[in-house]
């Protein structure tokens, strides 16, 4: 049971980053790369859509992983 609680605590920041990527994908794409450009770079709609889909897939995968971990501990 301690493993489940530890994993839950470690998953919280990952979930927060993934939710942030869904709600603000342009900033998430440019996070840590803004210094490379003199002007504000253009982010395409395809890149924004890809970021949102990838974040949703990761959230679903992590949730399934957490549920499997929880079930195995019972």
C-alpha atoms as a PDB file:
ATOM      1  CA  UNK A   1       0.000   0.000   0.000  1.00  0.00           C
ATOM      2  CA  UNK A   2       2.953   2.304   0.630  1.00  0.00           C
ATOM      3  CA  UNK A   3       4.018   1.900  -2.987  1.00  0.00           C
ATOM      4  CA  UNK A   4       0.611   3.061  -4.219  1.00  0.00           C
ATOM      5  CA  UNK A   5       0.706   6.154  -2.020  1.00  0.00           C
ATOM      6  CA  UNK A   6       4.259   6.978  -3.126  1.00  0.00           C
ATOM      7  CA  UNK A   7       3.333   6.571  -6.797  1.00  0.00           C
ATOM      8  CA  UNK A   8       0.252   8.735  -6.317  1.00  0.00           C
ATOM      9  CA  UNK A   9       2.384  11.486  -4.782  1.00  0.00           C
ATOM     10  CA  UNK A  10       4.894  11.221  -7.628  1.00  0.00           C
ATOM     11  CA  UNK A  11       2.156  11.260 -10.288  1.00  0.00           C
ATOM     12  CA  UNK A  12       0.661  14.558  -9.052  1.00  0.00           C
ATOM     13  CA  UNK A  13       3.303  16.827 -10.691  1.00  0.00           C
ATOM     14  CA  UNK A  14       3.184  14.778 -13.884  1.00  0.00           C
ATOM     15  CA  UNK A  15      -0.600  15.141 -14.047  1.00  0.00           C
ATOM     16  CA  UNK A  16      -0.242  18.881 -13.375  1.00  0.00           C
ATOM     17  CA  UNK A  17       2.191  19.313 -16.280  1.00  0.00           C
ATOM     18  CA  UNK A  18      -0.014  17.266 -18.616  1.00  0.00           C
ATOM     19  CA  UNK A  19      -3.116  19.271 -17.682  1.00  0.00           C
ATOM     20  CA  UNK A  20      -1.130  22.477 -18.227  1.00  0.00           C
ATOM     21  CA  UNK A  21      -0.129  21.211 -21.682  1.00  0.00           C
ATOM     22  CA  UNK A  22      -3.787  20.630 -22.553  1.00  0.00           C
ATOM     23  CA  UNK A  23      -4.928  24.022 -21.293  1.00  0.00           C
ATOM     24  CA  UNK A  24      -2.011  26.059 -22.653  1.00  0.00           C
ATOM     25  CA  UNK A  25      -0.319  24.094 -25.464  1.00  0.00           C
ATOM     26  CA  UNK A  26       1.476  27.031 -27.101  1.00  0.00           C
ATOM     27  CA  UNK A  27       3.374  27.882 -23.927  1.00  0.00           C
ATOM     28  CA  UNK A  28       4.056  24.201 -23.336  1.00  0.00           C
ATOM     29  CA  UNK A  29       5.577  23.812 -26.792  1.00  0.00           C
ATOM     30  CA  UNK A  30       7.807  26.854 -26.330  1.00  0.00           C
ATOM     31  CA  UNK A  31       8.718  26.063 -22.716  1.00  0.00           C
ATOM     32  CA  UNK A  32      12.511  26.277 -22.427  1.00  0.00           C
ATOM     33  CA  UNK A  33      12.961  27.204 -26.096  1.00  0.00           C
ATOM     34  CA  UNK A  34      11.829  30.830 -26.153  1.00  0.00           C
ATOM     35  CA  UNK A  35      15.379  32.105 -25.702  1.00  0.00           C
ATOM     36  CA  UNK A  36      16.362  30.728 -29.130  1.00  0.00           C
ATOM     37  CA  UNK A  37      14.119  33.181 -30.999  1.00  0.00           C
ATOM     38  CA  UNK A  38      14.362  36.945 -31.296  1.00  0.00           C
ATOM     39  CA  UNK A  39      10.673  37.289 -32.157  1.00  0.00           C
ATOM     40  CA  UNK A  40       7.657  35.359 -30.950  1.00  0.00           C
ATOM     41  CA  UNK A  41       7.653  32.115 -32.975  1.00  0.00           C
ATOM     42  CA  UNK A  42       4.533  30.898 -34.738  1.00  0.00           C
ATOM     43  CA  UNK A  43       3.158  27.604 -33.507  1.00  0.00           C
ATOM     44  CA  UNK A  44       1.049  25.738 -36.029  1.00  0.00           C
ATOM     45  CA  UNK A  45      -2.389  24.345 -35.279  1.00  0.00           C
ATOM     46  CA  UNK A  46      -1.046  20.879 -36.090  1.00  0.00           C
ATOM     47  CA  UNK A  47       1.577  21.176 -33.345  1.00  0.00           C
ATOM     48  CA  UNK A  48      -1.025  22.418 -30.873  1.00  0.00           C
ATOM     49  CA  UNK A  49      -3.364  19.537 -31.740  1.00  0.00           C
ATOM     50  CA  UNK A  50      -0.513  17.022 -31.463  1.00  0.00           C
ATOM     51  CA  UNK A  51       0.451  18.362 -28.022  1.00  0.00           C
ATOM     52  CA  UNK A  52      -3.124  18.135 -26.758  1.00  0.00           C
ATOM     53  CA  UNK A  53      -3.611  14.587 -28.074  1.00  0.00           C
ATOM     54  CA  UNK A  54      -0.274  13.419 -26.682  1.00  0.00           C
ATOM     55  CA  UNK A  55      -1.136  14.878 -23.273  1.00  0.00           C
ATOM     56  CA  UNK A  56      -4.536  13.162 -23.189  1.00  0.00           C
ATOM     57  CA  UNK A  57      -2.957   9.835 -24.200  1.00  0.00           C
ATOM     58  CA  UNK A  58      -0.348  10.186 -21.434  1.00  0.00           C
ATOM     59  CA  UNK A  59      -3.025  10.994 -18.843  1.00  0.00           C
ATOM     60  CA  UNK A  60      -5.036   7.921 -19.869  1.00  0.00           C
ATOM     61  CA  UNK A  61      -1.921   5.721 -19.825  1.00  0.00           C
ATOM     62  CA  UNK A  62      -0.815   6.954 -16.401  1.00  0.00           C
ATOM     63  CA  UNK A  63      -4.303   6.493 -14.985  1.00  0.00           C
ATOM     64  CA  UNK A  64      -4.460   2.915 -16.276  1.00  0.00           C
ATOM     65  CA  UNK A  65      -0.977   2.271 -14.887  1.00  0.00           C
ATOM     66  CA  UNK A  66      -2.000   3.636 -11.494  1.00  0.00           C
ATOM     67  CA  UNK A  67      -5.190   1.549 -11.416  1.00  0.00           C
ATOM     68  CA  UNK A  68      -3.259  -1.620 -12.320  1.00  0.00           C
ATOM     69  CA  UNK A  69      -0.714  -0.854  -9.610  1.00  0.00           C
ATOM     70  CA  UNK A  70      -3.521  -0.291  -7.098  1.00  0.00           C
ATOM     71  CA  UNK A  71      -5.316  -3.521  -8.050  1.00  0.00           C
ATOM     72  CA  UNK A  72      -2.113  -5.553  -7.777  1.00  0.00           C
ATOM     73  CA  UNK A  73      -1.538  -4.262  -4.241  1.00  0.00           C
ATOM     74  CA  UNK A  74      -4.935  -5.495  -3.031  1.00  0.00           C
END
